[in-house]
Amino acid sequence: MPMLMISLVVAGLGLLVWALWSRTFRRATVNGPVVMTALGALAGALLPPQEPLFMESKTTLFLAELVLAFLLFVDALDVRGSLSSQFRGVPLRLLGLGLPLSLLLVFAVGLVLPLGLSLAVVLAIACIAVPADFSPETSLVRDERIPARVRRWLSIESGYNDGLVSPLLLGALAFASAGSTSDAGRALAVAAPAGVIALLVGGALGAAIGGATRFADSRGWTEPQSMRIAFIAAPVLVFATTVLLHGNGFVAVFVAGVVIRVARGTRGIEHTELSLVEDLSWLANLLLWLAFGFASTLLLSQTYDWWPAIVLALVALTVGRLVPVSIALLGSEATRAERFFIAAMGPRGAASIVFGLIAANALPGEEGFMILAATCMVVLGSVVIHGIGGPLLVRRLWPASPTATVSSTPR
C-alpha cells in the first residue's frame, strides 16, 4: 500500500507540473513526454529499487496496450480524406516502400554486426524500433508552420505503420518461442490469422458503431455528453472483443476508427464528440511516459552489456529512418525541404513501448532483457532527438509567419 500511494503521488505531481507550465515548456521546445519521462526517471532514481522489474509486469503490459488502443482510435478518427487518397502518393511510398526498407536495414545491421542476438530477437527489435508514432509529438503535426499536406502525410503514416508491423512482430515472437522448426511453423500458422480476424472484427464493429451513432444522432436520441462517452466505449469494446477472438486488437481498433469515420457519412464527427476521448488518451499517454521514465531508470541501473542495444537504437533513429525514407520519396511530389523533414521526423512512442513490453513478456530471460534494453534506448533516444530537435528543425525549415500558429488543442 505505501508504494501504491507513492506511485499516486508521483503521478499526480508529474501531471500537475505539466499542466501548470505546459505553455512555458513548449516555448522551450520541451513537450509533455520529455517532461514526464524526466520526472519518472527522477522518481526512479530517488525511490528505493522495486522488484520485480516494472516493465516485466503483466499489469503494466495490459495498461500500456489500452493506452495504445485509444491512441490508434483517435489517430483513425483524425485522418482526413477518403481511403483511396490515403493510399497513394507520399503515404503509399512511406508505408509501401519506406517502412519495409527501414525494417530490412535495421534487421540487416543486427545480423551483420557481431551483437550475439538471435535472428528472431533482431527481427523483434526492428519491429519495435522502426514504427513512427506521433502521439508524443502531436504539437508537430498540429503546427501550422508545417505545410498541411506534410502534417497529413505524417498522420497517415503514424496511424497505419504500427498496425502493419504488429503481425510481423507476433510472427517473430512465435518463431522465437518455438522449440523447433516444425513448432515454429505451427506457431506462425496460429499467429498469421490474427490480422485477418482483426480486419473482420474491426470492420464489422466499426460499421455497427458508426451506423448506430449516426442513426441515434439523426433521431435526436442522444446528446453531446453521451456521444462523448460512446467514443470512449467504442475502442474498449473493439479491442476486448478482438482479443477474445484471438485477433490483433491494435489493428482492429484502428480499422474500426476508420470505418466509424466513413459510416458517419458527410456529417462526419464533430470535435466536441471527440474531446473526451482525445483528452483521456493524452492523459493516459502522459502517464505511460511517466511510468516509462521510472522503469527505464530501474532497468538501466542494472549491470549489463548495453552496446548491442545502443547500436541498434542509434541505427534505427538515424540512418535506419533517413536513408530508406529519402529513397522512398525520390521523385515524389514532396519538395526537398519536405522530404528531409519527413525523413528526419520519425519519433517513437507508445507503439514502441507496447511492442517492447509484448516482446519482453513473450521472451523471458536474457533475450527479453535485451529487448527491454533496446526499447529503452530507442524511446529515450527519440525523446531527446525528436522531442527537442523537432521544433528546432521546424523553425529552421519554416520560419514563423504572422498567420502561422500552433493548434490550441491541449496536447
Protein backbone atom coordinates (compact mmCIF):
# COMPACT_ATOMS: atom_id res chain seq x y z
CA MET A 1 0.00 0.00 0.00
CA PRO A 2 2.72 2.60 0.79
CA MET A 3 4.32 2.00 -2.61
CA LEU A 4 0.94 2.44 -4.31
CA MET A 5 0.43 5.75 -2.54
CA ILE A 6 3.93 6.87 -3.51
CA SER A 7 3.17 5.98 -7.13
CA LEU A 8 -0.02 8.05 -6.98
CA VAL A 9 1.89 10.99 -5.51
CA VAL A 10 4.48 10.79 -8.29
CA ALA A 11 1.77 10.55 -10.98
CA GLY A 12 -0.28 13.42 -9.53
CA LEU A 13 2.76 15.65 -9.09
CA GLY A 14 4.01 14.93 -12.61
CA LEU A 15 0.66 15.74 -14.19
CA LEU A 16 0.34 18.90 -12.12
CA VAL A 17 3.80 20.12 -13.14
CA TRP A 18 2.97 19.63 -16.83
CA ALA A 19 -0.50 21.19 -16.54
CA LEU A 20 0.73 24.35 -14.81
CA TRP A 21 3.77 25.00 -17.02
CA SER A 22 2.80 23.36 -20.34
CA ARG A 23 2.97 26.59 -22.37
CA THR A 24 6.31 27.50 -20.82
CA PHE A 25 7.70 24.05 -21.61
CA ARG A 26 6.51 24.28 -25.24
CA ARG A 27 8.18 27.66 -25.69
CA ALA A 28 11.41 25.99 -24.60
CA THR A 29 10.78 23.23 -27.21
CA VAL A 30 10.08 20.70 -24.44
CA ASN A 31 6.95 18.59 -24.88
CA GLY A 32 4.85 16.54 -22.47
CA PRO A 33 6.58 13.17 -22.95
CA VAL A 34 10.01 14.76 -22.35
CA VAL A 35 8.79 16.30 -19.08
CA MET A 36 7.03 13.16 -17.87
CA THR A 37 9.94 10.89 -18.79
CA ALA A 38 12.35 13.16 -16.91
CA LEU A 39 10.09 13.25 -13.84
CA GLY A 40 9.67 9.48 -13.96
CA ALA A 41 13.43 8.97 -14.25
CA LEU A 42 13.98 11.30 -11.31
CA ALA A 43 11.46 9.36 -9.23
CA GLY A 44 13.10 6.07 -10.21
CA ALA A 45 16.50 7.40 -9.14
CA LEU A 46 15.30 8.72 -5.76
CA LEU A 47 12.96 5.90 -4.70
CA PRO A 48 14.20 2.51 -3.46
CA PRO A 49 14.67 -0.15 -6.19
CA GLN A 50 11.49 -2.06 -6.98
CA GLU A 51 11.20 -5.75 -7.78
CA PRO A 52 10.03 -7.30 -9.97
CA LEU A 53 11.08 -5.01 -12.75
CA PHE A 54 8.15 -2.74 -13.59
CA MET A 55 8.33 -3.24 -17.35
CA GLU A 56 8.00 -7.01 -16.99
CA SER A 57 4.67 -6.69 -15.17
CA LYS A 58 1.59 -8.18 -16.86
CA THR A 59 -0.49 -5.34 -15.43
CA THR A 60 1.83 -2.78 -17.00
CA LEU A 61 1.55 -4.57 -20.33
CA PHE A 62 -2.25 -4.59 -20.18
CA LEU A 63 -2.50 -0.89 -19.29
CA ALA A 64 0.01 0.04 -21.99
CA GLU A 65 -1.98 -1.91 -24.58
CA LEU A 66 -5.13 0.00 -23.64
CA VAL A 67 -3.28 3.31 -23.99
CA LEU A 68 -2.09 2.37 -27.47
CA ALA A 69 -5.60 1.24 -28.42
CA PHE A 70 -7.03 4.64 -27.51
CA LEU A 71 -4.25 6.49 -29.35
CA LEU A 72 -4.77 4.40 -32.50
CA PHE A 73 -8.51 5.01 -32.34
CA VAL A 74 -8.03 8.77 -32.13
CA ASP A 75 -5.49 8.61 -34.99
CA ALA A 76 -8.02 6.81 -37.17
CA LEU A 77 -10.76 9.33 -36.47
CA ASP A 78 -8.39 12.25 -37.05
CA VAL A 79 -7.19 11.11 -40.51
CA ARG A 80 -8.97 13.16 -43.14
CA GLY A 81 -9.82 12.33 -46.75
CA SER A 82 -11.06 9.22 -48.49
CA LEU A 83 -9.43 5.84 -48.05
CA SER A 84 -8.19 5.92 -51.64
CA SER A 85 -6.43 9.24 -51.06
CA GLN A 86 -4.64 7.79 -48.02
CA PHE A 87 -3.01 5.03 -50.03
CA ARG A 88 -1.48 6.92 -52.91
CA GLY A 89 1.31 9.41 -53.42
CA VAL A 90 3.58 10.10 -50.45
CA PRO A 91 1.65 7.98 -47.87
CA LEU A 92 1.84 4.97 -50.18
CA ARG A 93 5.59 5.50 -50.61
CA LEU A 94 6.11 5.82 -46.85
CA LEU A 95 4.12 2.72 -45.98
CA GLY A 96 4.81 0.57 -49.03
CA LEU A 97 8.50 1.33 -49.54
CA GLY A 98 9.95 3.37 -46.68
CA LEU A 99 8.64 1.11 -43.91
CA PRO A 100 9.87 -2.21 -45.41
CA LEU A 101 13.25 -0.68 -46.28
CA SER A 102 13.65 0.62 -42.72
CA LEU A 103 12.83 -2.81 -41.30
CA LEU A 104 15.28 -4.50 -43.66
CA LEU A 105 18.08 -2.04 -42.90
CA VAL A 106 17.80 -2.36 -39.11
CA PHE A 107 17.40 -6.13 -39.43
CA ALA A 108 20.48 -6.37 -41.67
CA VAL A 109 22.60 -4.30 -39.29
CA GLY A 110 21.52 -6.51 -36.40
CA LEU A 111 22.58 -9.63 -38.28
CA VAL A 112 25.81 -8.34 -39.80
CA LEU A 113 27.30 -6.85 -36.63
CA PRO A 114 28.55 -9.33 -34.00
CA LEU A 115 25.84 -8.47 -31.48
CA GLY A 116 25.22 -12.04 -30.31
CA LEU A 117 21.47 -11.84 -30.89
CA SER A 118 19.25 -14.48 -32.47
CA LEU A 119 17.51 -13.88 -35.78
CA ALA A 120 14.07 -13.68 -34.15
CA VAL A 121 15.24 -11.22 -31.48
CA VAL A 122 16.83 -8.94 -34.09
CA LEU A 123 13.59 -9.00 -36.09
CA ALA A 124 11.57 -8.23 -32.96
CA ILE A 125 13.83 -5.28 -32.11
CA ALA A 126 13.49 -3.99 -35.69
CA CYS A 127 9.69 -4.14 -35.35
CA ILE A 128 9.92 -2.23 -32.07
CA ALA A 129 12.38 0.39 -33.31
CA VAL A 130 11.02 1.27 -36.75
CA PRO A 131 7.33 2.37 -36.45
CA ALA A 132 6.94 6.14 -36.22
CA ASP A 133 4.44 7.33 -33.64
CA PHE A 134 3.48 11.00 -33.42
CA SER A 135 1.46 10.57 -30.21
CA PRO A 136 4.35 12.07 -28.21
CA GLU A 137 4.87 14.78 -30.83
CA THR A 138 1.32 15.91 -31.62
CA SER A 139 2.43 19.54 -31.36
CA LEU A 140 4.45 18.96 -34.55
CA VAL A 141 1.60 17.55 -36.64
CA ARG A 142 -0.62 20.40 -35.40
CA ASP A 143 1.95 23.14 -36.04
CA GLU A 144 0.54 25.29 -38.84
CA ARG A 145 4.00 26.44 -39.88
CA ILE A 146 4.44 22.95 -41.34
CA PRO A 147 2.62 22.58 -44.68
CA ALA A 148 -0.80 21.00 -44.20
CA ARG A 149 -0.07 18.18 -46.63
CA VAL A 150 3.11 17.22 -44.73
CA ARG A 151 1.17 17.04 -41.48
CA ARG A 152 -1.46 14.89 -43.17
CA TRP A 153 1.15 12.54 -44.66
CA LEU A 154 2.81 12.06 -41.27
CA SER A 155 -0.54 11.48 -39.55
CA ILE A 156 -1.41 8.76 -42.05
CA GLU A 157 1.98 7.10 -41.65
CA SER A 158 1.78 7.26 -37.86
CA GLY A 159 -1.71 5.81 -37.91
CA TYR A 160 -1.04 2.84 -40.15
CA ASN A 161 2.58 1.72 -39.71
CA ASP A 162 2.30 0.15 -36.25
CA GLY A 163 -0.74 -1.81 -37.40
CA LEU A 164 1.23 -3.09 -40.38
CA VAL A 165 4.24 -4.04 -38.27
CA SER A 166 2.42 -5.75 -35.38
CA PRO A 167 1.62 -9.00 -37.30
CA LEU A 168 5.32 -9.28 -38.21
CA LEU A 169 6.27 -8.80 -34.56
CA LEU A 170 3.84 -11.50 -33.45
CA GLY A 171 5.27 -13.83 -36.11
CA ALA A 172 8.83 -13.17 -34.90
CA LEU A 173 7.83 -13.90 -31.31
CA ALA A 174 6.05 -17.10 -32.35
CA PHE A 175 9.19 -18.18 -34.19
CA ALA A 176 11.47 -17.29 -31.26
CA SER A 177 9.37 -19.09 -28.67
CA ALA A 178 9.13 -22.30 -30.75
CA GLY A 179 11.40 -25.19 -29.80
CA SER A 180 11.96 -26.47 -33.36
CA THR A 181 11.31 -25.64 -36.99
CA SER A 182 8.05 -27.62 -37.04
CA ASP A 183 6.94 -25.90 -33.82
CA ALA A 184 7.78 -22.55 -35.38
CA GLY A 185 5.65 -23.40 -38.42
CA ARG A 186 2.69 -24.26 -36.25
CA ALA A 187 3.16 -21.13 -34.12
CA LEU A 188 3.30 -18.92 -37.20
CA ALA A 189 0.19 -20.61 -38.59
CA VAL A 190 -1.65 -19.71 -35.40
CA ALA A 191 -0.33 -16.13 -35.32
CA ALA A 192 -0.98 -15.35 -39.01
CA PRO A 193 -4.82 -15.26 -38.85
CA ALA A 194 -4.71 -12.61 -36.11
CA GLY A 195 -4.55 -9.87 -38.74
CA VAL A 196 -7.47 -11.29 -40.72
CA ILE A 197 -9.58 -11.59 -37.56
CA ALA A 198 -8.71 -8.00 -36.68
CA LEU A 199 -9.84 -6.73 -40.08
CA LEU A 200 -13.13 -8.62 -39.90
CA VAL A 201 -13.98 -7.74 -36.29
CA GLY A 202 -12.79 -4.15 -36.55
CA GLY A 203 -14.67 -3.61 -39.79
CA ALA A 204 -17.89 -5.20 -38.54
CA LEU A 205 -17.94 -3.46 -35.16
CA GLY A 206 -16.84 -0.17 -36.69
CA ALA A 207 -19.71 -0.30 -39.19
CA ALA A 208 -22.18 -1.20 -36.44
CA ILE A 209 -20.98 1.53 -34.05
CA GLY A 210 -20.73 4.16 -36.78
CA GLY A 211 -24.19 3.34 -38.10
CA ALA A 212 -25.69 3.24 -34.61
CA THR A 213 -24.25 6.61 -33.56
CA ARG A 214 -25.35 8.19 -36.83
CA PHE A 215 -28.88 6.77 -36.52
CA ALA A 216 -29.25 7.76 -32.86
CA ASP A 217 -27.97 11.25 -33.57
CA SER A 218 -30.32 11.76 -36.52
CA ARG A 219 -33.30 10.70 -34.36
CA GLY A 220 -32.34 13.00 -31.53
CA TRP A 221 -31.93 10.11 -29.09
CA THR A 222 -28.54 11.22 -27.84
CA GLU A 223 -26.76 14.35 -26.66
CA PRO A 224 -23.17 15.64 -26.86
CA GLN A 225 -22.12 14.34 -23.44
CA SER A 226 -23.42 10.82 -24.02
CA MET A 227 -21.91 10.77 -27.52
CA ARG A 228 -18.52 11.55 -26.00
CA ILE A 229 -18.96 8.54 -23.73
CA ALA A 230 -19.83 6.41 -26.78
CA PHE A 231 -16.46 7.24 -28.33
CA ILE A 232 -14.77 6.16 -25.08
CA ALA A 233 -16.65 2.85 -25.08
CA ALA A 234 -16.01 2.08 -28.77
CA PRO A 235 -12.24 1.32 -28.65
CA VAL A 236 -12.63 -0.65 -25.40
CA LEU A 237 -15.38 -2.81 -26.95
CA VAL A 238 -13.48 -3.39 -30.18
CA PHE A 239 -10.16 -4.15 -28.52
CA ALA A 240 -11.58 -6.57 -25.93
CA THR A 241 -13.78 -8.39 -28.45
CA THR A 242 -10.94 -8.85 -30.91
CA VAL A 243 -8.53 -10.15 -28.27
CA LEU A 244 -11.16 -12.63 -27.06
CA LEU A 245 -11.40 -13.89 -30.65
CA HIS A 246 -7.58 -14.21 -30.84
CA GLY A 247 -7.18 -11.28 -33.20
CA ASN A 248 -4.83 -8.29 -33.22
CA GLY A 249 -6.57 -5.70 -31.05
CA PHE A 250 -4.48 -2.78 -32.27
CA VAL A 251 -5.24 -3.37 -35.94
CA ALA A 252 -8.93 -3.89 -35.12
CA VAL A 253 -9.20 -0.63 -33.17
CA PHE A 254 -7.63 1.38 -35.96
CA VAL A 255 -9.78 -0.29 -38.63
CA ALA A 256 -12.88 0.34 -36.52
CA GLY A 257 -11.98 4.02 -36.18
CA VAL A 258 -11.59 4.38 -39.95
CA VAL A 259 -14.88 2.57 -40.61
CA ILE A 260 -16.73 4.65 -37.99
CA ARG A 261 -15.50 7.82 -39.65
CA VAL A 262 -16.69 6.60 -43.05
CA ALA A 263 -20.01 5.31 -41.66
CA ARG A 264 -20.83 8.71 -40.19
CA GLY A 265 -21.20 9.98 -43.77
CA THR A 266 -20.99 13.57 -44.90
CA ARG A 267 -21.86 14.91 -41.46
CA GLY A 268 -18.66 13.46 -40.07
CA ILE A 269 -17.64 13.60 -36.43
CA GLU A 270 -17.70 16.90 -34.59
CA HIS A 271 -14.74 17.88 -32.46
CA THR A 272 -16.94 18.18 -29.36
CA GLU A 273 -17.77 14.49 -29.70
CA LEU A 274 -14.09 13.55 -29.62
CA SER A 275 -12.88 15.96 -26.95
CA LEU A 276 -13.26 13.46 -24.10
CA VAL A 277 -11.54 10.53 -25.83
CA GLU A 278 -8.75 12.85 -27.01
CA ASP A 279 -8.19 14.22 -23.50
CA LEU A 280 -8.35 10.75 -21.96
CA SER A 281 -5.90 9.30 -24.48
CA TRP A 282 -3.48 12.17 -23.92
CA LEU A 283 -3.74 11.80 -20.13
CA ALA A 284 -3.07 8.07 -20.41
CA ASN A 285 -0.19 8.78 -22.77
CA LEU A 286 1.43 11.15 -20.26
CA LEU A 287 1.09 8.54 -17.50
CA LEU A 288 2.64 5.92 -19.77
CA TRP A 289 5.66 8.17 -20.36
CA LEU A 290 5.95 8.83 -16.63
CA ALA A 291 5.96 5.07 -15.96
CA PHE A 292 8.43 4.55 -18.78
CA GLY A 293 10.87 7.07 -17.31
CA PHE A 294 10.58 5.38 -13.91
CA ALA A 295 11.10 1.89 -15.35
CA SER A 296 13.98 2.99 -17.57
CA THR A 297 15.95 4.19 -14.56
CA LEU A 298 15.47 0.83 -12.85
CA LEU A 299 16.42 -1.06 -15.99
CA LEU A 300 19.47 0.99 -16.93
CA SER A 301 20.80 0.77 -13.38
CA GLN A 302 21.33 -2.96 -13.89
CA THR A 303 24.85 -4.17 -14.68
CA TYR A 304 24.68 -5.35 -18.26
CA ASP A 305 26.41 -5.18 -21.63
CA TRP A 306 24.45 -2.39 -23.29
CA TRP A 307 26.35 -1.90 -26.53
CA PRO A 308 24.15 -4.13 -28.81
CA ALA A 309 21.03 -2.22 -27.74
CA ILE A 310 22.77 1.13 -28.17
CA VAL A 311 23.99 0.25 -31.69
CA LEU A 312 20.58 -0.89 -32.93
CA ALA A 313 18.85 2.11 -31.34
CA LEU A 314 21.22 4.60 -32.99
CA VAL A 315 20.85 2.88 -36.37
CA ALA A 316 17.05 2.85 -36.13
CA LEU A 317 16.83 6.53 -35.09
CA THR A 318 19.27 7.86 -37.70
CA VAL A 319 20.21 6.11 -40.94
CA GLY A 320 17.52 3.49 -40.37
CA ARG A 321 14.93 6.20 -40.97
CA LEU A 322 16.74 8.83 -43.03
CA VAL A 323 18.07 6.63 -45.83
CA PRO A 324 15.01 4.42 -46.54
CA VAL A 325 12.51 7.30 -46.37
CA SER A 326 14.70 9.53 -48.54
CA ILE A 327 14.90 6.75 -51.14
CA ALA A 328 11.13 6.15 -50.94
CA LEU A 329 10.36 9.84 -51.55
CA LEU A 330 12.67 10.36 -54.53
CA GLY A 331 10.63 11.67 -57.44
CA SER A 332 7.58 12.31 -55.26
CA GLU A 333 5.53 15.50 -55.12
CA ALA A 334 7.22 16.49 -51.84
CA THR A 335 9.73 19.34 -52.00
CA ARG A 336 13.33 18.88 -50.87
CA ALA A 337 12.63 20.52 -47.51
CA GLU A 338 9.53 18.39 -47.03
CA ARG A 339 11.40 15.20 -47.90
CA PHE A 340 14.16 15.99 -45.41
CA PHE A 341 11.68 16.84 -42.66
CA ILE A 342 9.67 13.65 -43.18
CA ALA A 343 12.84 11.54 -43.25
CA ALA A 344 14.21 13.18 -40.10
CA MET A 345 10.94 13.14 -38.15
CA GLY A 346 10.22 9.58 -37.11
CA PRO A 347 9.53 9.80 -33.36
CA ARG A 348 8.99 6.62 -31.42
CA GLY A 349 6.41 6.48 -28.69
CA ALA A 350 3.62 4.38 -27.23
CA ALA A 351 3.74 1.83 -30.07
CA SER A 352 7.42 1.03 -29.44
CA ILE A 353 6.89 0.85 -25.67
CA VAL A 354 3.93 -1.52 -26.01
CA PHE A 355 5.68 -3.66 -28.64
CA GLY A 356 8.70 -3.89 -26.34
CA LEU A 357 6.54 -4.97 -23.41
CA ILE A 358 4.81 -7.60 -25.54
CA ALA A 359 8.13 -8.99 -26.75
CA ALA A 360 9.75 -8.94 -23.31
CA ASN A 361 6.83 -10.80 -21.76
CA ALA A 362 6.88 -13.38 -24.58
CA LEU A 363 10.65 -13.94 -24.33
CA PRO A 364 11.69 -14.06 -20.68
CA GLY A 365 15.29 -14.30 -19.59
CA GLU A 366 18.28 -12.72 -21.32
CA GLU A 367 16.53 -12.26 -24.67
CA GLY A 368 13.60 -10.46 -23.04
CA PHE A 369 16.01 -8.29 -21.07
CA MET A 370 17.85 -7.31 -24.26
CA ILE A 371 14.55 -6.37 -25.92
CA LEU A 372 13.67 -4.17 -22.94
CA ALA A 373 17.10 -2.56 -23.15
CA ALA A 374 16.72 -1.88 -26.88
CA THR A 375 13.22 -0.45 -26.29
CA CYS A 376 14.56 1.92 -23.64
CA MET A 377 17.43 3.06 -25.85
CA VAL A 378 15.17 3.65 -28.86
CA VAL A 379 12.46 5.55 -26.98
CA LEU A 380 14.78 7.59 -24.77
CA GLY A 381 16.90 8.45 -27.81
CA SER A 382 13.79 9.54 -29.69
CA VAL A 383 12.66 11.69 -26.76
CA VAL A 384 15.92 13.63 -26.99
CA ILE A 385 16.36 13.70 -30.78
CA HIS A 386 12.78 14.34 -31.85
CA GLY A 387 11.34 15.95 -28.74
CA ILE A 388 13.99 18.67 -28.67
CA GLY A 389 15.30 18.66 -32.24
CA GLY A 390 11.89 18.54 -33.94
CA PRO A 391 10.70 22.06 -33.00
CA LEU A 392 14.15 23.44 -33.85
CA LEU A 393 14.00 21.83 -37.29
CA VAL A 394 10.55 23.32 -37.89
CA ARG A 395 11.86 26.78 -37.04
CA ARG A 396 14.77 26.30 -39.45
CA LEU A 397 12.75 24.98 -42.41
CA TRP A 398 9.57 27.03 -41.98
CA PRO A 399 10.18 30.26 -40.03
CA ALA A 400 7.09 31.53 -38.27
CA SER A 401 4.83 33.81 -40.26
CA PRO A 402 2.24 36.22 -38.84
CA THR A 403 -0.59 33.81 -39.68
CA ALA A 404 1.14 30.59 -38.66
CA THR A 405 0.19 29.26 -35.26
CA VAL A 406 0.30 26.07 -33.29
CA SER A 407 -3.06 24.45 -32.73
CA SER A 408 -4.57 25.20 -29.35
CA THR A 409 -5.60 21.60 -28.87
CA PRO A 410 -4.28 20.63 -25.41
CA ARG A 411 -1.50 18.27 -26.39
